[in-house]
PDB file of N, CA and C in Angstrom:
ATOM      1  N   UNK A   1       0.650  -0.934  -0.052  1.00  0.00           N
ATOM      2  CA  UNK A   1       0.545   0.147   0.324  1.00  0.00           C
ATOM      3  C   UNK A   1       0.862   1.024  -0.168  1.00  0.00           C
ATOM      4  N   UNK A   2       0.338   2.022  -0.348  1.00  0.00           N
ATOM      5  CA  UNK A   2       1.443   3.428  -0.790  1.00  0.00           C
ATOM      6  C   UNK A   2       0.358   4.720  -0.336  1.00  0.00           C
ATOM      7  N   UNK A   3       1.291   5.184   0.348  1.00  0.00           N
ATOM      8  CA  UNK A   3       1.157   6.508   1.624  1.00  0.00           C
ATOM      9  C   UNK A   3      -0.265   7.447   0.860  1.00  0.00           C
ATOM     10  N   UNK A   4      -0.552   7.526  -0.352  1.00  0.00           N
ATOM     11  CA  UNK A   4      -1.578   7.997  -1.076  1.00  0.00           C
ATOM     12  C   UNK A   4      -2.885   7.551  -0.710  1.00  0.00           C
ATOM     13  N   UNK A   5      -2.730   5.770  -0.281  1.00  0.00           N
ATOM     14  CA  UNK A   5      -3.521   4.806  -0.412  1.00  0.00           C
ATOM     15  C   UNK A   5      -4.421   4.300   1.064  1.00  0.00           C
ATOM     16  N   UNK A   6      -3.798   5.979   2.147  1.00  0.00           N
ATOM     17  CA  UNK A   6      -4.009   5.149   3.064  1.00  0.00           C
ATOM     18  C   UNK A   6      -5.466   6.088   3.545  1.00  0.00           C
ATOM     19  N   UNK A   7      -5.495   7.242   3.236  1.00  0.00           N
ATOM     20  CA  UNK A   7      -6.551   7.490   3.959  1.00  0.00           C
ATOM     21  C   UNK A   7      -8.245   6.361   3.227  1.00  0.00           C
ATOM     22  N   UNK A   8      -7.720   6.099   1.924  1.00  0.00           N
ATOM     23  CA  UNK A   8      -8.834   4.733   1.433  1.00  0.00           C
ATOM     24  C   UNK A   8      -8.797   3.823   2.521  1.00  0.00           C
ATOM     25  N   UNK A   9      -7.586   3.125   2.995  1.00  0.00           N
ATOM     26  CA  UNK A   9      -7.486   2.091   4.139  1.00  0.00           C
ATOM     27  C   UNK A   9      -8.247   2.509   5.044  1.00  0.00           C
ATOM     28  N   UNK A  10      -7.956   3.922   5.705  1.00  0.00           N
ATOM     29  CA  UNK A  10      -8.867   3.651   6.859  1.00  0.00           C
ATOM     30  C   UNK A  10     -10.660   3.520   7.325  1.00  0.00           C
ATOM     31  N   UNK A  11     -10.922   4.035   5.460  1.00  0.00           N
ATOM     32  CA  UNK A  11     -11.812   4.512   5.228  1.00  0.00           C
ATOM     33  C   UNK A  11     -12.601   3.167   5.270  1.00  0.00           C
ATOM     34  N   UNK A  12     -11.668   2.462   4.917  1.00  0.00           N
ATOM     35  CA  UNK A  12     -12.745   1.299   5.194  1.00  0.00           C
ATOM     36  C   UNK A  12     -11.948   0.570   5.690  1.00  0.00           C
ATOM     37  N   UNK A  13     -11.394   0.524   6.756  1.00  0.00           N
ATOM     38  CA  UNK A  13     -10.751  -0.014   7.912  1.00  0.00           C
ATOM     39  C   UNK A  13     -12.869   0.351   9.023  1.00  0.00           C
ATOM     40  N   UNK A  14     -12.850   2.230   8.790  1.00  0.00           N
ATOM     41  CA  UNK A  14     -14.221   1.811   9.369  1.00  0.00           C
ATOM     42  C   UNK A  14     -15.145   1.705   8.969  1.00  0.00           C
ATOM     43  N   UNK A  15     -15.372   1.236   7.498  1.00  0.00           N
ATOM     44  CA  UNK A  15     -16.430   0.821   7.504  1.00  0.00           C
ATOM     45  C   UNK A  15     -16.449   0.109   7.852  1.00  0.00           C
ATOM     46  N   UNK A  16     -15.810  -1.032   7.627  1.00  0.00           N
ATOM     47  CA  UNK A  16     -16.081  -2.885   8.140  1.00  0.00           C
ATOM     48  C   UNK A  16     -16.161  -2.701   9.330  1.00  0.00           C
ATOM     49  N   UNK A  17     -15.694  -1.833  10.853  1.00  0.00           N
ATOM     50  CA  UNK A  17     -15.383  -1.847  12.700  1.00  0.00           C
ATOM     51  C   UNK A  17     -16.807  -1.408  12.257  1.00  0.00           C
ATOM     52  N   UNK A  18     -17.748  -0.706  11.826  1.00  0.00           N
ATOM     53  CA  UNK A  18     -18.715   0.135  11.675  1.00  0.00           C
ATOM     54  C   UNK A  18     -20.026  -0.633  11.954  1.00  0.00           C
ATOM     55  N   UNK A  19     -19.650  -1.091  10.538  1.00  0.00           N
ATOM     56  CA  UNK A  19     -20.195  -2.769  10.610  1.00  0.00           C
ATOM     57  C   UNK A  19     -20.601  -4.021  11.455  1.00  0.00           C
ATOM     58  N   UNK A  20     -19.194  -4.614  12.162  1.00  0.00           N
ATOM     59  CA  UNK A  20     -19.333  -5.412  13.040  1.00  0.00           C
ATOM     60  C   UNK A  20     -19.434  -4.380  14.391  1.00  0.00           C
ATOM     61  N   UNK A  21     -19.866  -3.294  14.516  1.00  0.00           N
ATOM     62  CA  UNK A  21     -20.072  -3.290  15.653  1.00  0.00           C
ATOM     63  C   UNK A  21     -21.898  -3.236  16.003  1.00  0.00           C
ATOM     64  N   UNK A  22     -22.264  -2.281  14.883  1.00  0.00           N
ATOM     65  CA  UNK A  22     -23.646  -2.278  14.625  1.00  0.00           C
ATOM     66  C   UNK A  22     -23.893  -4.028  15.384  1.00  0.00           C
ATOM     67  N   UNK A  23     -23.661  -5.003  13.828  1.00  0.00           N
ATOM     68  CA  UNK A  23     -24.191  -6.478  14.132  1.00  0.00           C
ATOM     69  C   UNK A  23     -23.903  -6.797  15.338  1.00  0.00           C
ATOM     70  N   UNK A  24     -23.350  -6.356  16.322  1.00  0.00           N
ATOM     71  CA  UNK A  24     -22.670  -7.274  17.953  1.00  0.00           C
ATOM     72  C   UNK A  24     -23.183  -6.351  18.640  1.00  0.00           C
ATOM     73  N   UNK A  25     -23.922  -5.108  18.523  1.00  0.00           N
ATOM     74  CA  UNK A  25     -24.434  -4.354  19.134  1.00  0.00           C
ATOM     75  C   UNK A  25     -22.808  -3.489  20.868  1.00  0.00           C
ATOM     76  N   UNK A  26     -22.090  -3.938  20.155  1.00  0.00           N
ATOM     77  CA  UNK A  26     -20.430  -2.795  20.804  1.00  0.00           C
ATOM     78  C   UNK A  26     -20.440  -1.845  20.397  1.00  0.00           C
ATOM     79  N   UNK A  27     -20.429  -0.966  21.942  1.00  0.00           N
ATOM     80  CA  UNK A  27     -20.159  -0.107  21.255  1.00  0.00           C
ATOM     81  C   UNK A  27     -18.161   0.823  20.625  1.00  0.00           C
ATOM     82  N   UNK A  28     -17.528   0.590  21.374  1.00  0.00           N
ATOM     83  CA  UNK A  28     -15.991   1.030  20.215  1.00  0.00           C
ATOM     84  C   UNK A  28     -15.047   0.112  20.935  1.00  0.00           C
ATOM     85  N   UNK A  29     -14.965  -0.823  19.421  1.00  0.00           N
ATOM     86  CA  UNK A  29     -13.554  -1.251  19.834  1.00  0.00           C
ATOM     87  C   UNK A  29     -12.005  -0.208  20.494  1.00  0.00           C
ATOM     88  N   UNK A  30     -11.094  -0.553  21.520  1.00  0.00           N
ATOM     89  CA  UNK A  30      -9.884   0.787  21.709  1.00  0.00           C
ATOM     90  C   UNK A  30      -9.185  -0.946  21.219  1.00  0.00           C
ATOM     91  N   UNK A  31      -7.690  -0.109  19.991  1.00  0.00           N
ATOM     92  CA  UNK A  31      -6.699  -0.889  19.718  1.00  0.00           C
ATOM     93  C   UNK A  31      -5.333  -0.354  20.204  1.00  0.00           C
ATOM     94  N   UNK A  32      -5.063  -1.390  21.113  1.00  0.00           N
ATOM     95  CA  UNK A  32      -4.027  -0.642  22.298  1.00  0.00           C
ATOM     96  C   UNK A  32      -2.004  -1.499  21.329  1.00  0.00           C
ATOM     97  N   UNK A  33      -1.174  -0.423  21.753  1.00  0.00           N
ATOM     98  CA  UNK A  33      -0.038  -1.000  20.594  1.00  0.00           C
ATOM     99  C   UNK A  33       0.777  -1.439  21.472  1.00  0.00           C
ATOM    100  N   UNK A  34       0.569  -1.397  22.757  1.00  0.00           N
ATOM    101  CA  UNK A  34       1.034  -2.419  23.735  1.00  0.00           C
ATOM    102  C   UNK A  34       1.375  -1.968  24.555  1.00  0.00           C
ATOM    103  N   UNK A  35       3.116  -2.453  25.751  1.00  0.00           N
ATOM    104  CA  UNK A  35       3.548  -1.657  26.704  1.00  0.00           C
ATOM    105  C   UNK A  35       5.090  -2.027  26.540  1.00  0.00           C
ATOM    106  N   UNK A  36       5.879  -1.738  27.050  1.00  0.00           N
ATOM    107  CA  UNK A  36       7.092  -1.377  26.687  1.00  0.00           C
ATOM    108  C   UNK A  36       7.338  -2.716  28.216  1.00  0.00           C
ATOM    109  N   UNK A  37       8.030  -3.906  27.274  1.00  0.00           N
ATOM    110  CA  UNK A  37       8.621  -4.719  28.799  1.00  0.00           C
ATOM    111  C   UNK A  37       9.819  -4.305  29.174  1.00  0.00           C
ATOM    112  N   UNK A  38       9.742  -4.782  30.174  1.00  0.00           N
ATOM    113  CA  UNK A  38      11.209  -4.734  31.085  1.00  0.00           C
ATOM    114  C   UNK A  38      12.123  -5.846  30.934  1.00  0.00           C
ATOM    115  N   UNK A  39      13.551  -5.838  30.183  1.00  0.00           N
ATOM    116  CA  UNK A  39      14.361  -6.572  29.501  1.00  0.00           C
ATOM    117  C   UNK A  39      14.789  -7.488  31.289  1.00  0.00           C
ATOM    118  N   UNK A  40      15.302  -6.427  32.492  1.00  0.00           N
ATOM    119  CA  UNK A  40      15.130  -7.863  33.227  1.00  0.00           C
ATOM    120  C   UNK A  40      14.879  -6.429  34.902  1.00  0.00           C
ATOM    121  N   UNK A  41      13.961  -7.483  36.120  1.00  0.00           N
ATOM    122  CA  UNK A  41      13.586  -6.968  37.233  1.00  0.00           C
ATOM    123  C   UNK A  41      14.479  -5.540  37.564  1.00  0.00           C
ATOM    124  N   UNK A  42      16.126  -5.822  36.650  1.00  0.00           N
ATOM    125  CA  UNK A  42      17.343  -5.256  37.924  1.00  0.00           C
ATOM    126  C   UNK A  42      17.592  -4.007  37.398  1.00  0.00           C
ATOM    127  N   UNK A  43      17.129  -3.682  36.158  1.00  0.00           N
ATOM    128  CA  UNK A  43      17.407  -2.664  35.229  1.00  0.00           C
ATOM    129  C   UNK A  43      16.455  -1.769  34.827  1.00  0.00           C
ATOM    130  N   UNK A  44      16.223  -0.412  34.135  1.00  0.00           N
ATOM    131  CA  UNK A  44      14.891  -0.025  33.810  1.00  0.00           C
ATOM    132  C   UNK A  44      15.210   0.233  31.931  1.00  0.00           C
ATOM    133  N   UNK A  45      15.857  -0.818  31.754  1.00  0.00           N
ATOM    134  CA  UNK A  45      15.749  -0.727  30.076  1.00  0.00           C
ATOM    135  C   UNK A  45      15.019  -1.871  29.396  1.00  0.00           C
ATOM    136  N   UNK A  46      14.653  -1.634  28.217  1.00  0.00           N
ATOM    137  CA  UNK A  46      13.090  -1.855  28.092  1.00  0.00           C
ATOM    138  C   UNK A  46      13.239  -2.243  26.464  1.00  0.00           C
ATOM    139  N   UNK A  47      13.114  -3.680  25.954  1.00  0.00           N
ATOM    140  CA  UNK A  47      12.871  -4.660  24.815  1.00  0.00           C
ATOM    141  C   UNK A  47      12.243  -3.054  23.788  1.00  0.00           C
ATOM    142  N   UNK A  48      12.655  -3.120  22.536  1.00  0.00           N
ATOM    143  CA  UNK A  48      12.002  -2.288  21.655  1.00  0.00           C
ATOM    144  C   UNK A  48      10.936  -2.775  21.267  1.00  0.00           C
ATOM    145  N   UNK A  49       9.485  -1.894  21.624  1.00  0.00           N
ATOM    146  CA  UNK A  49       8.152  -2.689  21.426  1.00  0.00           C
ATOM    147  C   UNK A  49       7.972  -2.901  20.335  1.00  0.00           C
ATOM    148  N   UNK A  50       6.629  -4.087  19.745  1.00  0.00           N
ATOM    149  CA  UNK A  50       6.791  -4.859  18.470  1.00  0.00           C
ATOM    150  C   UNK A  50       5.440  -4.455  18.785  1.00  0.00           C
ATOM    151  N   UNK A  51       4.216  -3.567  18.286  1.00  0.00           N
ATOM    152  CA  UNK A  51       3.093  -2.872  18.290  1.00  0.00           C
ATOM    153  C   UNK A  51       2.232  -4.778  17.925  1.00  0.00           C
ATOM    154  N   UNK A  52       1.089  -4.527  18.456  1.00  0.00           N
ATOM    155  CA  UNK A  52       0.060  -4.847  18.182  1.00  0.00           C
ATOM    156  C   UNK A  52      -0.104  -5.487  16.338  1.00  0.00           C
ATOM    157  N   UNK A  53      -0.820  -6.339  16.319  1.00  0.00           N
ATOM    158  CA  UNK A  53      -0.944  -6.435  15.413  1.00  0.00           C
ATOM    159  C   UNK A  53      -1.926  -5.489  14.204  1.00  0.00           C
ATOM    160  N   UNK A  54      -2.923  -5.414  15.281  1.00  0.00           N
ATOM    161  CA  UNK A  54      -4.141  -5.118  14.741  1.00  0.00           C
ATOM    162  C   UNK A  54      -4.491  -3.311  15.469  1.00  0.00           C
ATOM    163  N   UNK A  55      -3.545  -3.276  16.625  1.00  0.00           N
ATOM    164  CA  UNK A  55      -2.696  -1.784  16.132  1.00  0.00           C
ATOM    165  C   UNK A  55      -2.397  -1.467  14.426  1.00  0.00           C
ATOM    166  N   UNK A  56      -1.729  -1.809  14.451  1.00  0.00           N
ATOM    167  CA  UNK A  56      -1.103  -1.606  13.565  1.00  0.00           C
ATOM    168  C   UNK A  56      -1.517  -1.126  12.011  1.00  0.00           C
ATOM    169  N   UNK A  57      -2.477  -1.945  11.965  1.00  0.00           N
ATOM    170  CA  UNK A  57      -3.286  -2.375  10.917  1.00  0.00           C
ATOM    171  C   UNK A  57      -3.444  -0.825  10.634  1.00  0.00           C
ATOM    172  N   UNK A  58      -3.999  -0.379  11.306  1.00  0.00           N
ATOM    173  CA  UNK A  58      -4.921   0.917  11.534  1.00  0.00           C
ATOM    174  C   UNK A  58      -4.089   2.546  11.492  1.00  0.00           C
ATOM    175  N   UNK A  59      -2.291   2.031  12.463  1.00  0.00           N
ATOM    176  CA  UNK A  59      -1.509   2.747  12.848  1.00  0.00           C
ATOM    177  C   UNK A  59      -0.276   2.710  12.963  1.00  0.00           C
ATOM    178  N   UNK A  60       0.626   3.129  11.774  1.00  0.00           N
ATOM    179  CA  UNK A  60       1.904   2.921  11.374  1.00  0.00           C
ATOM    180  C   UNK A  60       2.517   3.082  13.189  1.00  0.00           C
ATOM    181  N   UNK A  61       2.141   4.022  13.910  1.00  0.00           N
ATOM    182  CA  UNK A  61       2.832   4.997  15.717  1.00  0.00           C
ATOM    183  C   UNK A  61       3.799   4.225  15.832  1.00  0.00           C
ATOM    184  N   UNK A  62       5.069   3.413  16.328  1.00  0.00           N
ATOM    185  CA  UNK A  62       5.293   2.518  16.852  1.00  0.00           C
ATOM    186  C   UNK A  62       5.976   3.596  17.771  1.00  0.00           C
ATOM    187  N   UNK A  63       4.382   3.114  18.845  1.00  0.00           N
ATOM    188  CA  UNK A  63       5.002   3.939  20.383  1.00  0.00           C
ATOM    189  C   UNK A  63       4.173   2.696  21.422  1.00  0.00           C
ATOM    190  N   UNK A  64       5.118   2.862  23.014  1.00  0.00           N
ATOM    191  CA  UNK A  64       3.868   2.148  23.900  1.00  0.00           C
ATOM    192  C   UNK A  64       3.239   3.224  24.874  1.00  0.00           C
ATOM    193  N   UNK A  65       1.272   2.402  24.961  1.00  0.00           N
ATOM    194  CA  UNK A  65       0.381   2.744  25.720  1.00  0.00           C
ATOM    195  C   UNK A  65       0.013   3.545  24.372  1.00  0.00           C
ATOM    196  N   UNK A  66      -0.036   3.645  22.911  1.00  0.00           N
ATOM    197  CA  UNK A  66      -0.515   4.223  22.387  1.00  0.00           C
ATOM    198  C   UNK A  66      -2.126   3.486  21.801  1.00  0.00           C
ATOM    199  N   UNK A  67      -3.152   4.113  21.732  1.00  0.00           N
ATOM    200  CA  UNK A  67      -4.293   3.375  20.851  1.00  0.00           C
ATOM    201  C   UNK A  67      -4.856   3.932  20.286  1.00  0.00           C
ATOM    202  N   UNK A  68      -5.440   2.972  19.631  1.00  0.00           N
ATOM    203  CA  UNK A  68      -7.005   4.084  18.112  1.00  0.00           C
ATOM    204  C   UNK A  68      -8.414   3.224  18.856  1.00  0.00           C
ATOM    205  N   UNK A  69      -9.236   4.285  19.208  1.00  0.00           N
ATOM    206  CA  UNK A  69     -10.352   4.321  19.185  1.00  0.00           C
ATOM    207  C   UNK A  69     -11.634   4.264  18.119  1.00  0.00           C
ATOM    208  N   UNK A  70     -12.369   3.844  18.048  1.00  0.00           N
ATOM    209  CA  UNK A  70     -13.297   3.554  16.704  1.00  0.00           C
ATOM    210  C   UNK A  70     -14.327   4.248  17.059  1.00  0.00           C
ATOM    211  N   UNK A  71     -15.432   4.714  16.717  1.00  0.00           N
ATOM    212  CA  UNK A  71     -16.530   4.973  17.352  1.00  0.00           C
ATOM    213  C   UNK A  71     -17.130   5.682  15.926  1.00  0.00           C
ATOM    214  N   UNK A  72     -17.798   4.882  15.965  1.00  0.00           N
ATOM    215  CA  UNK A  72     -19.195   4.949  14.449  1.00  0.00           C
ATOM    216  C   UNK A  72     -19.517   6.243  13.809  1.00  0.00           C
ATOM    217  N   UNK A  73     -19.314   6.916  12.809  1.00  0.00           N
ATOM    218  CA  UNK A  73     -19.233   7.560  12.720  1.00  0.00           C
ATOM    219  C   UNK A  73     -18.647   9.088  12.837  1.00  0.00           C
ATOM    220  N   UNK A  74     -17.633   8.857  13.599  1.00  0.00           N
ATOM    221  CA  UNK A  74     -16.625   9.791  13.463  1.00  0.00           C
ATOM    222  C   UNK A  74     -14.698   9.687  13.524  1.00  0.00           C
ATOM    223  N   UNK A  75     -14.292   9.840  13.050  1.00  0.00           N
ATOM    224  CA  UNK A  75     -13.204   9.827  12.964  1.00  0.00           C
ATOM    225  C   UNK A  75     -12.052   9.292  13.687  1.00  0.00           C
ATOM    226  N   UNK A  76     -11.452   8.226  13.391  1.00  0.00           N
ATOM    227  CA  UNK A  76     -10.543   6.982  14.725  1.00  0.00           C
ATOM    228  C   UNK A  76     -10.331   8.286  15.517  1.00  0.00           C
ATOM    229  N   UNK A  77      -9.671   8.616  17.373  1.00  0.00           N
ATOM    230  CA  UNK A  77      -9.249   9.005  17.170  1.00  0.00           C
ATOM    231  C   UNK A  77      -7.916   7.671  17.690  1.00  0.00           C
ATOM    232  N   UNK A  78      -6.465   8.828  17.835  1.00  0.00           N
ATOM    233  CA  UNK A  78      -5.137   8.347  18.285  1.00  0.00           C
ATOM    234  C   UNK A  78      -4.739   9.331  19.378  1.00  0.00           C
ATOM    235  N   UNK A  79      -4.612   8.076  20.438  1.00  0.00           N
ATOM    236  CA  UNK A  79      -4.428   8.691  21.806  1.00  0.00           C
ATOM    237  C   UNK A  79      -3.504   8.408  22.595  1.00  0.00           C
ATOM    238  N   UNK A  80      -2.399   9.207  22.567  1.00  0.00           N
ATOM    239  CA  UNK A  80      -0.836   9.556  22.984  1.00  0.00           C
ATOM    240  C   UNK A  80      -0.202   9.207  23.888  1.00  0.00           C
ATOM    241  N   UNK A  81       0.229   8.345  25.019  1.00  0.00           N
ATOM    242  CA  UNK A  81       0.534   8.406  25.734  1.00  0.00           C
ATOM    243  C   UNK A  81       2.241   8.830  26.070  1.00  0.00           C
ATOM    244  N   UNK A  82       2.281  10.613  26.124  1.00  0.00           N
ATOM    245  CA  UNK A  82       3.543  11.175  26.191  1.00  0.00           C
ATOM    246  C   UNK A  82       4.515  10.513  27.426  1.00  0.00           C
ATOM    247  N   UNK A  83       5.662  10.227  27.732  1.00  0.00           N
ATOM    248  CA  UNK A  83       6.009  10.096  28.813  1.00  0.00           C
ATOM    249  C   UNK A  83       7.367  11.570  28.829  1.00  0.00           C
ATOM    250  N   UNK A  84       7.457  12.134  29.892  1.00  0.00           N
ATOM    251  CA  UNK A  84       8.109  13.288  29.529  1.00  0.00           C
ATOM    252  C   UNK A  84       9.246  12.591  30.591  1.00  0.00           C
ATOM    253  N   UNK A  85      10.379  12.032  29.545  1.00  0.00           N
ATOM    254  CA  UNK A  85      11.219  11.707  30.044  1.00  0.00           C
ATOM    255  C   UNK A  85      12.414  11.094  29.190  1.00  0.00           C
ATOM    256  N   UNK A  86      13.550  12.011  29.204  1.00  0.00           N
ATOM    257  CA  UNK A  86      14.526  12.023  28.049  1.00  0.00           C
ATOM    258  C   UNK A  86      15.394  10.439  27.471  1.00  0.00           C
ATOM    259  N   UNK A  87      15.190   9.784  28.527  1.00  0.00           N
ATOM    260  CA  UNK A  87      15.902   8.589  28.290  1.00  0.00           C
ATOM    261  C   UNK A  87      14.377   7.643  27.691  1.00  0.00           C
ATOM    262  N   UNK A  88      13.273   7.668  27.942  1.00  0.00           N
ATOM    263  CA  UNK A  88      12.415   6.863  26.937  1.00  0.00           C
ATOM    264  C   UNK A  88      11.793   7.551  25.762  1.00  0.00           C
ATOM    265  N   UNK A  89      12.339   7.940  25.697  1.00  0.00           N
ATOM    266  CA  UNK A  89      11.573   9.285  24.495  1.00  0.00           C
ATOM    267  C   UNK A  89      11.470   8.454  23.195  1.00  0.00           C
ATOM    268  N   UNK A  90      10.408   8.015  22.287  1.00  0.00           N
ATOM    269  CA  UNK A  90      10.166   6.958  21.597  1.00  0.00           C
ATOM    270  C   UNK A  90      10.730   7.889  20.351  1.00  0.00           C
ATOM    271  N   UNK A  91      11.568   6.834  19.592  1.00  0.00           N
ATOM    272  CA  UNK A  91      11.852   7.085  18.323  1.00  0.00           C
ATOM    273  C   UNK A  91      10.478   7.820  16.917  1.00  0.00           C
ATOM    274  N   UNK A  92      10.830   8.967  16.739  1.00  0.00           N
ATOM    275  CA  UNK A  92      10.158   9.721  15.652  1.00  0.00           C
ATOM    276  C   UNK A  92       9.409   8.867  14.068  1.00  0.00           C
ATOM    277  N   UNK A  93       8.195   8.934  14.034  1.00  0.00           N
ATOM    278  CA  UNK A  93       8.142   8.343  12.373  1.00  0.00           C
ATOM    279  C   UNK A  93       8.719   8.445  11.505  1.00  0.00           C
ATOM    280  N   UNK A  94       8.644   7.273  10.791  1.00  0.00           N
ATOM    281  CA  UNK A  94       9.706   7.356   9.317  1.00  0.00           C
ATOM    282  C   UNK A  94       8.583   8.358   8.726  1.00  0.00           C
ATOM    283  N   UNK A  95       8.183   8.515   8.450  1.00  0.00           N
ATOM    284  CA  UNK A  95       7.068   9.373   7.490  1.00  0.00           C
ATOM    285  C   UNK A  95       5.979   9.861   8.549  1.00  0.00           C
ATOM    286  N   UNK A  96       5.109  11.219   7.460  1.00  0.00           N
ATOM    287  CA  UNK A  96       3.734  11.522   8.700  1.00  0.00           C
ATOM    288  C   UNK A  96       2.637  11.331   7.619  1.00  0.00           C
ATOM    289  N   UNK A  97       2.699  10.196   7.123  1.00  0.00           N
ATOM    290  CA  UNK A  97       1.250  10.020   6.312  1.00  0.00           C
ATOM    291  C   UNK A  97      -0.075  10.259   7.119  1.00  0.00           C
ATOM    292  N   UNK A  98      -0.054   9.317   8.313  1.00  0.00           N
ATOM    293  CA  UNK A  98      -1.658   9.522   8.524  1.00  0.00           C
ATOM    294  C   UNK A  98      -2.305   9.599   9.919  1.00  0.00           C
ATOM    295  N   UNK A  99      -1.349  11.275   9.922  1.00  0.00           N
ATOM    296  CA  UNK A  99      -1.741  11.487  10.994  1.00  0.00           C
ATOM    297  C   UNK A  99      -2.965  12.517  10.883  1.00  0.00           C
ATOM    298  N   UNK A 100      -3.514  12.869   9.875  1.00  0.00           N
ATOM    299  CA  UNK A 100      -4.375  13.820   8.988  1.00  0.00           C
ATOM    300  C   UNK A 100      -5.494  12.368   9.562  1.00  0.00           C
ATOM    301  N   UNK A 101      -5.465  11.144   9.154  1.00  0.00           N
ATOM    302  CA  UNK A 101      -6.655  10.314   9.551  1.00  0.00           C
ATOM    303  C   UNK A 101      -7.345  10.203  10.795  1.00  0.00           C
ATOM    304  N   UNK A 102      -6.171  10.384  12.154  1.00  0.00           N
ATOM    305  CA  UNK A 102      -6.829  10.601  13.073  1.00  0.00           C
ATOM    306  C   UNK A 102      -7.124  11.895  13.877  1.00  0.00           C
ATOM    307  N   UNK A 103      -7.768  12.104  14.545  1.00  0.00           N
ATOM    308  CA  UNK A 103      -7.464  13.201  15.867  1.00  0.00           C
ATOM    309  C   UNK A 103      -6.907  12.832  16.524  1.00  0.00           C
ATOM    310  N   UNK A 104      -6.504  13.132  16.775  1.00  0.00           N
ATOM    311  CA  UNK A 104      -5.042  12.889  17.700  1.00  0.00           C
ATOM    312  C   UNK A 104      -5.157  13.647  19.266  1.00  0.00           C
ATOM    313  N   UNK A 105      -5.243  12.910  20.139  1.00  0.00           N
ATOM    314  CA  UNK A 105      -5.243  13.336  21.662  1.00  0.00           C
ATOM    315  C   UNK A 105      -3.886  12.957  22.198  1.00  0.00           C
ATOM    316  N   UNK A 106      -2.959  13.670  23.178  1.00  0.00           N
ATOM    317  CA  UNK A 106      -1.662  13.233  24.220  1.00  0.00           C
ATOM    318  C   UNK A 106      -1.822  13.372  25.409  1.00  0.00           C
ATOM    319  N   UNK A 107      -2.237  12.329  25.953  1.00  0.00           N
ATOM    320  CA  UNK A 107      -2.523  12.617  27.485  1.00  0.00           C
ATOM    321  C   UNK A 107      -1.069  11.936  27.977  1.00  0.00           C
ATOM    322  N   UNK A 108      -0.930  12.087  29.194  1.00  0.00           N
ATOM    323  CA  UNK A 108       0.126  11.902  30.780  1.00  0.00           C
ATOM    324  C   UNK A 108       0.095  10.210  30.880  1.00  0.00           C
ATOM    325  N   UNK A 109       1.199   9.919  31.055  1.00  0.00           N
ATOM    326  CA  UNK A 109       0.845   8.788  32.155  1.00  0.00           C
ATOM    327  C   UNK A 109      -0.468   8.385  32.453  1.00  0.00           C
ATOM    328  N   UNK A 110      -1.252   6.765  32.268  1.00  0.00           N
ATOM    329  CA  UNK A 110      -2.119   6.595  33.102  1.00  0.00           C
ATOM    330  C   UNK A 110      -3.617   7.725  33.116  1.00  0.00           C
ATOM    331  N   UNK A 111      -3.277   8.374  32.273  1.00  0.00           N
ATOM    332  CA  UNK A 111      -4.256   9.484  31.824  1.00  0.00           C
ATOM    333  C   UNK A 111      -5.253   8.963  30.692  1.00  0.00           C
ATOM    334  N   UNK A 112      -4.987   7.485  29.502  1.00  0.00           N
ATOM    335  CA  UNK A 112      -5.343   7.736  28.474  1.00  0.00           C
ATOM    336  C   UNK A 112      -6.718   7.066  28.780  1.00  0.00           C
ATOM    337  N   UNK A 113      -7.471   6.663  30.088  1.00  0.00           N
ATOM    338  CA  UNK A 113      -8.775   5.834  30.292  1.00  0.00           C
ATOM    339  C   UNK A 113      -9.550   7.193  30.246  1.00  0.00           C
ATOM    340  N   UNK A 114      -9.330   8.102  30.896  1.00  0.00           N
ATOM    341  CA  UNK A 114      -9.837   9.584  30.180  1.00  0.00           C
ATOM    342  C   UNK A 114     -10.738   9.535  29.202  1.00  0.00           C
ATOM    343  N   UNK A 115     -10.053   9.716  28.547  1.00  0.00           N
ATOM    344  CA  UNK A 115     -10.194  10.040  26.495  1.00  0.00           C
ATOM    345  C   UNK A 115     -11.206   8.759  26.725  1.00  0.00           C
ATOM    346  N   UNK A 116     -10.826   7.477  26.558  1.00  0.00           N
ATOM    347  CA  UNK A 116     -11.219   6.758  26.120  1.00  0.00           C
ATOM    348  C   UNK A 116     -12.743   6.425  26.731  1.00  0.00           C
ATOM    349  N   UNK A 117     -13.193   6.686  27.687  1.00  0.00           N
ATOM    350  CA  UNK A 117     -14.169   6.631  27.696  1.00  0.00           C
ATOM    351  C   UNK A 117     -15.284   8.301  27.403  1.00  0.00           C
ATOM    352  N   UNK A 118     -14.288   9.238  26.862  1.00  0.00           N
ATOM    353  CA  UNK A 118     -15.078  10.503  26.610  1.00  0.00           C
ATOM    354  C   UNK A 118     -16.332   9.891  25.795  1.00  0.00           C
TER     355      UNK A 118
END
């Protein structure tokens, strides 16, 4: 898929999600990128994040504790959990083609639940 096709990809995923939600009477899927895992309990080093496949299908942003919230009739919301820590700054994405497909909300650690519930 080319970067130019990404908006159509998101539209297709949105339509499919809306149909599934209506059929099964669910409100909204919340797709999590995953959590950074400590290499061992004696140090503060973490393994490189390998986001969940379902999250990556929607969003190529590789950051821990990021969420895609899909709601019927609305653009998907990308919730980014930003930790103000010099050592744990995630690598910036290699391309910015996906930002316009989402309503982006940035929260501090532990605050994503407030956006997801809204």
